[in-house]
């Protein structure tokens, strides 16, 4: 359990997203209302985010394959996550 501090040093803080993802770019895009409704409904059924589902649909349409998750990649992810704790 973390202790609450009375003061925090934010002098080295940076504006923007807390976690940046390599290989992803934040954009603004206009989509038809019906597209958003359907993907949000699908998100409710699957438990995935609607933006994730849109991304997957675009990849599928463009025949872009996801790289396979290897044991080495899993270890790297776990090390990165544990270093942030």
PDB file of N, CA and C in Angstrom:
ATOM      1  N   UNK A   1       0.839  -1.170   0.000  1.00  0.00           N
ATOM      2  CA  UNK A   1       0.000   0.000   0.000  1.00  0.00           C
ATOM      3  C   UNK A   1       0.892   1.243   0.000  1.00  0.00           C
ATOM      4  N   UNK A   2       0.551   2.209  -0.832  1.00  0.00           N
ATOM      5  CA  UNK A   2       1.331   3.435  -0.926  1.00  0.00           C
ATOM      6  C   UNK A   2       0.952   4.408   0.179  1.00  0.00           C
ATOM      7  N   UNK A   3       1.952   5.144   0.651  1.00  0.00           N
ATOM      8  CA  UNK A   3       1.695   6.185   1.641  1.00  0.00           C
ATOM      9  C   UNK A   3       1.276   7.455   0.928  1.00  0.00           C
ATOM     10  N   UNK A   4       0.369   8.167   1.516  1.00  0.00           N
ATOM     11  CA  UNK A   4      -0.039   9.466   0.980  1.00  0.00           C
ATOM     12  C   UNK A   4       0.999  10.496   1.388  1.00  0.00           C
ATOM     13  N   UNK A   5       1.407  11.318   0.472  1.00  0.00           N
ATOM     14  CA  UNK A   5       2.364  12.382   0.758  1.00  0.00           C
ATOM     15  C   UNK A   5       1.625  13.700   0.912  1.00  0.00           C
ATOM     16  N   UNK A   6       2.203  14.579   1.721  1.00  0.00           N
ATOM     17  CA  UNK A   6       1.601  15.897   1.875  1.00  0.00           C
ATOM     18  C   UNK A   6       1.949  16.787   0.692  1.00  0.00           C
ATOM     19  N   UNK A   7       3.123  16.555   0.093  1.00  0.00           N
ATOM     20  CA  UNK A   7       3.551  17.339  -1.065  1.00  0.00           C
ATOM     21  C   UNK A   7       4.135  16.422  -2.125  1.00  0.00           C
ATOM     22  N   UNK A   8       3.931  16.781  -3.367  1.00  0.00           N
ATOM     23  CA  UNK A   8       4.483  16.034  -4.487  1.00  0.00           C
ATOM     24  C   UNK A   8       5.340  16.957  -5.319  1.00  0.00           C
ATOM     25  N   UNK A   9       6.470  16.457  -5.821  1.00  0.00           N
ATOM     26  CA  UNK A   9       7.348  17.239  -6.690  1.00  0.00           C
ATOM     27  C   UNK A   9       6.952  16.959  -8.137  1.00  0.00           C
ATOM     28  N   UNK A  10       6.305  17.921  -8.774  1.00  0.00           N
ATOM     29  CA  UNK A  10       5.861  17.763 -10.157  1.00  0.00           C
ATOM     30  C   UNK A  10       6.735  18.556 -11.124  1.00  0.00           C
ATOM     31  N   UNK A  11       7.900  18.978 -10.668  1.00  0.00           N
ATOM     32  CA  UNK A  11       8.767  19.816 -11.498  1.00  0.00           C
ATOM     33  C   UNK A  11       9.270  19.092 -12.743  1.00  0.00           C
ATOM     34  N   UNK A  12       9.345  17.773 -12.701  1.00  0.00           N
ATOM     35  CA  UNK A  12       9.821  17.010 -13.860  1.00  0.00           C
ATOM     36  C   UNK A  12       8.664  16.359 -14.620  1.00  0.00           C
ATOM     37  N   UNK A  13       7.450  16.763 -14.290  1.00  0.00           N
ATOM     38  CA  UNK A  13       6.275  16.209 -14.949  1.00  0.00           C
ATOM     39  C   UNK A  13       6.159  16.668 -16.391  1.00  0.00           C
ATOM     40  N   UNK A  14       5.498  15.864 -17.192  1.00  0.00           N
ATOM     41  CA  UNK A  14       5.289  16.179 -18.603  1.00  0.00           C
ATOM     42  C   UNK A  14       3.804  16.175 -18.900  1.00  0.00           C
ATOM     43  N   UNK A  15       3.384  17.052 -19.791  1.00  0.00           N
ATOM     44  CA  UNK A  15       1.984  17.078 -20.220  1.00  0.00           C
ATOM     45  C   UNK A  15       1.764  15.956 -21.225  1.00  0.00           C
ATOM     46  N   UNK A  16       0.543  15.523 -21.293  1.00  0.00           N
ATOM     47  CA  UNK A  16       0.204  14.526 -22.299  1.00  0.00           C
ATOM     48  C   UNK A  16      -0.232  13.224 -21.652  1.00  0.00           C
ATOM     49  N   UNK A  17      -0.381  12.182 -22.480  1.00  0.00           N
ATOM     50  CA  UNK A  17      -0.847  10.905 -21.954  1.00  0.00           C
ATOM     51  C   UNK A  17       0.151  10.321 -20.975  1.00  0.00           C
ATOM     52  N   UNK A  18      -0.368   9.647 -19.965  1.00  0.00           N
ATOM     53  CA  UNK A  18       0.493   9.047 -18.949  1.00  0.00           C
ATOM     54  C   UNK A  18       1.291   7.903 -19.552  1.00  0.00           C
ATOM     55  N   UNK A  19       0.633   7.077 -20.334  1.00  0.00           N
ATOM     56  CA  UNK A  19       1.297   5.924 -20.940  1.00  0.00           C
ATOM     57  C   UNK A  19       1.242   6.087 -22.455  1.00  0.00           C
ATOM     58  N   UNK A  20       2.413   6.124 -23.075  1.00  0.00           N
ATOM     59  CA  UNK A  20       2.441   6.191 -24.532  1.00  0.00           C
ATOM     60  C   UNK A  20       2.632   4.777 -25.067  1.00  0.00           C
ATOM     61  N   UNK A  21       1.996   4.486 -26.157  1.00  0.00           N
ATOM     62  CA  UNK A  21       2.106   3.167 -26.750  1.00  0.00           C
ATOM     63  C   UNK A  21       2.897   3.274 -28.042  1.00  0.00           C
ATOM     64  N   UNK A  22       3.932   2.460 -28.155  1.00  0.00           N
ATOM     65  CA  UNK A  22       4.719   2.450 -29.382  1.00  0.00           C
ATOM     66  C   UNK A  22       3.876   1.860 -30.499  1.00  0.00           C
ATOM     67  N   UNK A  23       3.978   2.470 -31.655  1.00  0.00           N
ATOM     68  CA  UNK A  23       3.247   1.954 -32.810  1.00  0.00           C
ATOM     69  C   UNK A  23       1.806   2.420 -32.888  1.00  0.00           C
ATOM     70  N   UNK A  24       1.420   3.344 -32.038  1.00  0.00           N
ATOM     71  CA  UNK A  24       0.056   3.869 -32.066  1.00  0.00           C
ATOM     72  C   UNK A  24       0.109   5.386 -32.125  1.00  0.00           C
ATOM     73  N   UNK A  25      -0.852   5.967 -32.845  1.00  0.00           N
ATOM     74  CA  UNK A  25      -0.932   7.416 -32.997  1.00  0.00           C
ATOM     75  C   UNK A  25      -2.352   7.859 -32.669  1.00  0.00           C
ATOM     76  N   UNK A  26      -2.465   8.879 -31.834  1.00  0.00           N
ATOM     77  CA  UNK A  26      -3.780   9.431 -31.492  1.00  0.00           C
ATOM     78  C   UNK A  26      -4.218  10.342 -32.629  1.00  0.00           C
ATOM     79  N   UNK A  27      -5.444  10.124 -33.121  1.00  0.00           N
ATOM     80  CA  UNK A  27      -5.985  10.963 -34.191  1.00  0.00           C
ATOM     81  C   UNK A  27      -7.430  11.336 -33.871  1.00  0.00           C
ATOM     82  N   UNK A  28      -7.929  12.308 -34.592  1.00  0.00           N
ATOM     83  CA  UNK A  28      -9.347  12.637 -34.540  1.00  0.00           C
ATOM     84  C   UNK A  28      -9.932  12.216 -35.880  1.00  0.00           C
ATOM     85  N   UNK A  29     -11.036  11.497 -35.830  1.00  0.00           N
ATOM     86  CA  UNK A  29     -11.642  10.994 -37.063  1.00  0.00           C
ATOM     87  C   UNK A  29     -13.165  11.096 -36.933  1.00  0.00           C
ATOM     88  N   UNK A  30     -13.821  11.445 -38.008  1.00  0.00           N
ATOM     89  CA  UNK A  30     -15.274  11.502 -38.027  1.00  0.00           C
ATOM     90  C   UNK A  30     -15.799  10.208 -38.642  1.00  0.00           C
ATOM     91  N   UNK A  31     -16.639   9.499 -37.883  1.00  0.00           N
ATOM     92  CA  UNK A  31     -17.263   8.270 -38.359  1.00  0.00           C
ATOM     93  C   UNK A  31     -18.773   8.445 -38.291  1.00  0.00           C
ATOM     94  N   UNK A  32     -19.485   7.725 -39.133  1.00  0.00           N
ATOM     95  CA  UNK A  32     -20.944   7.772 -39.115  1.00  0.00           C
ATOM     96  C   UNK A  32     -21.463   7.298 -37.758  1.00  0.00           C
ATOM     97  N   UNK A  33     -22.552   7.908 -37.321  1.00  0.00           N
ATOM     98  CA  UNK A  33     -23.152   7.550 -36.032  1.00  0.00           C
ATOM     99  C   UNK A  33     -23.485   6.059 -35.959  1.00  0.00           C
ATOM    100  N   UNK A  34     -23.979   5.513 -37.056  1.00  0.00           N
ATOM    101  CA  UNK A  34     -24.349   4.096 -37.072  1.00  0.00           C
ATOM    102  C   UNK A  34     -23.130   3.196 -36.850  1.00  0.00           C
ATOM    103  N   UNK A  35     -22.000   3.567 -37.407  1.00  0.00           N
ATOM    104  CA  UNK A  35     -20.760   2.796 -37.212  1.00  0.00           C
ATOM    105  C   UNK A  35     -20.405   2.775 -35.727  1.00  0.00           C
ATOM    106  N   UNK A  36     -20.443   3.948 -35.099  1.00  0.00           N
ATOM    107  CA  UNK A  36     -20.108   4.044 -33.677  1.00  0.00           C
ATOM    108  C   UNK A  36     -21.098   3.241 -32.839  1.00  0.00           C
ATOM    109  N   UNK A  37     -22.390   3.353 -33.148  1.00  0.00           N
ATOM    110  CA  UNK A  37     -23.416   2.605 -32.399  1.00  0.00           C
ATOM    111  C   UNK A  37     -23.156   1.108 -32.464  1.00  0.00           C
ATOM    112  N   UNK A  38     -22.877   0.624 -33.666  1.00  0.00           N
ATOM    113  CA  UNK A  38     -22.671  -0.821 -33.821  1.00  0.00           C
ATOM    114  C   UNK A  38     -21.415  -1.310 -33.114  1.00  0.00           C
ATOM    115  N   UNK A  39     -20.333  -0.536 -33.208  1.00  0.00           N
ATOM    116  CA  UNK A  39     -19.102  -0.954 -32.538  1.00  0.00           C
ATOM    117  C   UNK A  39     -19.242  -0.860 -31.017  1.00  0.00           C
ATOM    118  N   UNK A  40     -19.974   0.125 -30.511  1.00  0.00           N
ATOM    119  CA  UNK A  40     -20.205   0.219 -29.062  1.00  0.00           C
ATOM    120  C   UNK A  40     -21.065  -0.946 -28.582  1.00  0.00           C
ATOM    121  N   UNK A  41     -22.064  -1.336 -29.373  1.00  0.00           N
ATOM    122  CA  UNK A  41     -22.895  -2.492 -29.015  1.00  0.00           C
ATOM    123  C   UNK A  41     -22.054  -3.761 -28.998  1.00  0.00           C
ATOM    124  N   UNK A  42     -21.193  -3.908 -29.993  1.00  0.00           N
ATOM    125  CA  UNK A  42     -20.303  -5.068 -30.049  1.00  0.00           C
ATOM    126  C   UNK A  42     -19.330  -5.054 -28.865  1.00  0.00           C
ATOM    127  N   UNK A  43     -18.876  -3.877 -28.489  1.00  0.00           N
ATOM    128  CA  UNK A  43     -17.971  -3.747 -27.344  1.00  0.00           C
ATOM    129  C   UNK A  43     -18.657  -4.215 -26.065  1.00  0.00           C
ATOM    130  N   UNK A  44     -19.938  -3.887 -25.910  1.00  0.00           N
ATOM    131  CA  UNK A  44     -20.694  -4.333 -24.735  1.00  0.00           C
ATOM    132  C   UNK A  44     -20.777  -5.856 -24.681  1.00  0.00           C
ATOM    133  N   UNK A  45     -20.970  -6.480 -25.844  1.00  0.00           N
ATOM    134  CA  UNK A  45     -21.099  -7.939 -25.899  1.00  0.00           C
ATOM    135  C   UNK A  45     -19.761  -8.642 -25.654  1.00  0.00           C
ATOM    136  N   UNK A  46     -18.681  -8.081 -26.188  1.00  0.00           N
ATOM    137  CA  UNK A  46     -17.385  -8.766 -26.134  1.00  0.00           C
ATOM    138  C   UNK A  46     -16.525  -8.355 -24.947  1.00  0.00           C
ATOM    139  N   UNK A  47     -16.823  -7.205 -24.358  1.00  0.00           N
ATOM    140  CA  UNK A  47     -15.992  -6.725 -23.260  1.00  0.00           C
ATOM    141  C   UNK A  47     -14.725  -6.024 -23.713  1.00  0.00           C
ATOM    142  N   UNK A  48     -14.587  -5.815 -25.013  1.00  0.00           N
ATOM    143  CA  UNK A  48     -13.441  -5.088 -25.559  1.00  0.00           C
ATOM    144  C   UNK A  48     -13.860  -3.646 -25.808  1.00  0.00           C
ATOM    145  N   UNK A  49     -12.892  -2.755 -25.888  1.00  0.00           N
ATOM    146  CA  UNK A  49     -13.196  -1.363 -26.189  1.00  0.00           C
ATOM    147  C   UNK A  49     -13.633  -1.201 -27.641  1.00  0.00           C
ATOM    148  N   UNK A  50     -14.527  -0.274 -27.884  1.00  0.00           N
ATOM    149  CA  UNK A  50     -15.023  -0.098 -29.258  1.00  0.00           C
ATOM    150  C   UNK A  50     -13.920   0.402 -30.188  1.00  0.00           C
ATOM    151  N   UNK A  51     -12.981   1.196 -29.687  1.00  0.00           N
ATOM    152  CA  UNK A  51     -11.888   1.659 -30.535  1.00  0.00           C
ATOM    153  C   UNK A  51     -10.964   0.501 -30.907  1.00  0.00           C
ATOM    154  N   UNK A  52     -10.762  -0.415 -29.973  1.00  0.00           N
ATOM    155  CA  UNK A  52      -9.975  -1.621 -30.253  1.00  0.00           C
ATOM    156  C   UNK A  52     -10.647  -2.434 -31.346  1.00  0.00           C
ATOM    157  N   UNK A  53     -11.959  -2.557 -31.265  1.00  0.00           N
ATOM    158  CA  UNK A  53     -12.695  -3.327 -32.277  1.00  0.00           C
ATOM    159  C   UNK A  53     -12.625  -2.657 -33.650  1.00  0.00           C
ATOM    160  N   UNK A  54     -12.707  -1.341 -33.681  1.00  0.00           N
ATOM    161  CA  UNK A  54     -12.573  -0.622 -34.952  1.00  0.00           C
ATOM    162  C   UNK A  54     -11.182  -0.858 -35.533  1.00  0.00           C
ATOM    163  N   UNK A  55     -10.163  -0.781 -34.684  1.00  0.00           N
ATOM    164  CA  UNK A  55      -8.786  -1.012 -35.127  1.00  0.00           C
ATOM    165  C   UNK A  55      -8.627  -2.427 -35.695  1.00  0.00           C
ATOM    166  N   UNK A  56      -9.213  -3.413 -35.003  1.00  0.00           N
ATOM    167  CA  UNK A  56      -9.140  -4.798 -35.478  1.00  0.00           C
ATOM    168  C   UNK A  56      -9.851  -4.965 -36.818  1.00  0.00           C
ATOM    169  N   UNK A  57     -11.001  -4.313 -36.986  1.00  0.00           N
ATOM    170  CA  UNK A  57     -11.747  -4.404 -38.243  1.00  0.00           C
ATOM    171  C   UNK A  57     -10.945  -3.795 -39.396  1.00  0.00           C
ATOM    172  N   UNK A  58     -10.290  -2.671 -39.132  1.00  0.00           N
ATOM    173  CA  UNK A  58      -9.460  -2.050 -40.169  1.00  0.00           C
ATOM    174  C   UNK A  58      -8.283  -2.941 -40.540  1.00  0.00           C
ATOM    175  N   UNK A  59      -7.640  -3.536 -39.556  1.00  0.00           N
ATOM    176  CA  UNK A  59      -6.528  -4.452 -39.822  1.00  0.00           C
ATOM    177  C   UNK A  59      -7.000  -5.651 -40.642  1.00  0.00           C
ATOM    178  N   UNK A  60      -8.164  -6.168 -40.281  1.00  0.00           N
ATOM    179  CA  UNK A  60      -8.713  -7.316 -41.008  1.00  0.00           C
ATOM    180  C   UNK A  60      -9.004  -6.934 -42.461  1.00  0.00           C
ATOM    181  N   UNK A  61      -9.582  -5.780 -42.669  1.00  0.00           N
ATOM    182  CA  UNK A  61      -9.902  -5.312 -44.013  1.00  0.00           C
ATOM    183  C   UNK A  61      -8.634  -5.138 -44.852  1.00  0.00           C
ATOM    184  N   UNK A  62      -7.570  -4.653 -44.215  1.00  0.00           N
ATOM    185  CA  UNK A  62      -6.316  -4.413 -44.927  1.00  0.00           C
ATOM    186  C   UNK A  62      -5.401  -5.632 -44.928  1.00  0.00           C
ATOM    187  N   UNK A  63      -5.873  -6.736 -44.358  1.00  0.00           N
ATOM    188  CA  UNK A  63      -5.112  -7.986 -44.276  1.00  0.00           C
ATOM    189  C   UNK A  63      -3.776  -7.783 -43.561  1.00  0.00           C
ATOM    190  N   UNK A  64      -3.811  -7.030 -42.458  1.00  0.00           N
ATOM    191  CA  UNK A  64      -2.622  -6.825 -41.636  1.00  0.00           C
ATOM    192  C   UNK A  64      -2.679  -7.833 -40.505  1.00  0.00           C
ATOM    193  N   UNK A  65      -1.645  -8.666 -40.403  1.00  0.00           N
ATOM    194  CA  UNK A  65      -1.621  -9.679 -39.355  1.00  0.00           C
ATOM    195  C   UNK A  65      -0.918  -9.148 -38.117  1.00  0.00           C
ATOM    196  N   UNK A  66      -1.447  -9.547 -36.968  1.00  0.00           N
ATOM    197  CA  UNK A  66      -0.820  -9.203 -35.698  1.00  0.00           C
ATOM    198  C   UNK A  66       0.420 -10.077 -35.515  1.00  0.00           C
ATOM    199  N   UNK A  67       1.493  -9.500 -34.976  1.00  0.00           N
ATOM    200  CA  UNK A  67       2.658 -10.340 -34.691  1.00  0.00           C
ATOM    201  C   UNK A  67       2.321 -11.321 -33.572  1.00  0.00           C
ATOM    202  N   UNK A  68       2.879 -12.498 -33.644  1.00  0.00           N
ATOM    203  CA  UNK A  68       2.626 -13.516 -32.623  1.00  0.00           C
ATOM    204  C   UNK A  68       3.291 -13.102 -31.315  1.00  0.00           C
ATOM    205  N   UNK A  69       2.627 -13.406 -30.220  1.00  0.00           N
ATOM    206  CA  UNK A  69       3.160 -13.103 -28.901  1.00  0.00           C
ATOM    207  C   UNK A  69       4.060 -14.252 -28.475  1.00  0.00           C
ATOM    208  N   UNK A  70       5.343 -13.965 -28.346  1.00  0.00           N
ATOM    209  CA  UNK A  70       6.321 -14.991 -27.976  1.00  0.00           C
ATOM    210  C   UNK A  70       6.599 -14.931 -26.483  1.00  0.00           C
ATOM    211  N   UNK A  71       7.249 -15.972 -25.976  1.00  0.00           N
ATOM    212  CA  UNK A  71       7.621 -16.008 -24.556  1.00  0.00           C
ATOM    213  C   UNK A  71       8.564 -14.846 -24.232  1.00  0.00           C
ATOM    214  N   UNK A  72       9.454 -14.517 -25.151  1.00  0.00           N
ATOM    215  CA  UNK A  72      10.378 -13.399 -24.942  1.00  0.00           C
ATOM    216  C   UNK A  72       9.619 -12.091 -24.822  1.00  0.00           C
ATOM    217  N   UNK A  73       8.620 -11.897 -25.663  1.00  0.00           N
ATOM    218  CA  UNK A  73       7.821 -10.676 -25.616  1.00  0.00           C
ATOM    219  C   UNK A  73       7.035 -10.586 -24.311  1.00  0.00           C
ATOM    220  N   UNK A  74       6.489 -11.711 -23.850  1.00  0.00           N
ATOM    221  CA  UNK A  74       5.745 -11.733 -22.589  1.00  0.00           C
ATOM    222  C   UNK A  74       6.664 -11.351 -21.436  1.00  0.00           C
ATOM    223  N   UNK A  75       7.873 -11.907 -21.421  1.00  0.00           N
ATOM    224  CA  UNK A  75       8.831 -11.571 -20.362  1.00  0.00           C
ATOM    225  C   UNK A  75       9.156 -10.081 -20.372  1.00  0.00           C
ATOM    226  N   UNK A  76       9.356  -9.518 -21.564  1.00  0.00           N
ATOM    227  CA  UNK A  76       9.661  -8.092 -21.688  1.00  0.00           C
ATOM    228  C   UNK A  76       8.512  -7.245 -21.148  1.00  0.00           C
ATOM    229  N   UNK A  77       7.284  -7.605 -21.497  1.00  0.00           N
ATOM    230  CA  UNK A  77       6.108  -6.869 -21.035  1.00  0.00           C
ATOM    231  C   UNK A  77       6.009  -6.928 -19.514  1.00  0.00           C
ATOM    232  N   UNK A  78       6.206  -8.105 -18.953  1.00  0.00           N
ATOM    233  CA  UNK A  78       6.126  -8.259 -17.496  1.00  0.00           C
ATOM    234  C   UNK A  78       7.202  -7.430 -16.813  1.00  0.00           C
ATOM    235  N   UNK A  79       8.439  -7.455 -17.351  1.00  0.00           N
ATOM    236  CA  UNK A  79       9.517  -6.642 -16.759  1.00  0.00           C
ATOM    237  C   UNK A  79       9.166  -5.164 -16.799  1.00  0.00           C
ATOM    238  N   UNK A  80       8.626  -4.689 -17.925  1.00  0.00           N
ATOM    239  CA  UNK A  80       8.259  -3.277 -18.052  1.00  0.00           C
ATOM    240  C   UNK A  80       7.160  -2.904 -17.061  1.00  0.00           C
ATOM    241  N   UNK A  81       6.165  -3.764 -16.924  1.00  0.00           N
ATOM    242  CA  UNK A  81       5.070  -3.496 -15.995  1.00  0.00           C
ATOM    243  C   UNK A  81       5.552  -3.498 -14.546  1.00  0.00           C
ATOM    244  N   UNK A  82       6.401  -4.455 -14.197  1.00  0.00           N
ATOM    245  CA  UNK A  82       6.896  -4.535 -12.826  1.00  0.00           C
ATOM    246  C   UNK A  82       7.805  -3.355 -12.483  1.00  0.00           C
ATOM    247  N   UNK A  83       8.518  -2.830 -13.473  1.00  0.00           N
ATOM    248  CA  UNK A  83       9.402  -1.698 -13.200  1.00  0.00           C
ATOM    249  C   UNK A  83       8.623  -0.422 -12.901  1.00  0.00           C
ATOM    250  N   UNK A  84       7.355  -0.379 -13.268  1.00  0.00           N
ATOM    251  CA  UNK A  84       6.522   0.805 -13.035  1.00  0.00           C
ATOM    252  C   UNK A  84       5.823   0.761 -11.681  1.00  0.00           C
ATOM    253  N   UNK A  85       5.910  -0.358 -11.007  1.00  0.00           N
ATOM    254  CA  UNK A  85       5.219  -0.519  -9.707  1.00  0.00           C
ATOM    255  C   UNK A  85       6.047   0.102  -8.604  1.00  0.00           C
TER     256      UNK A  85
END
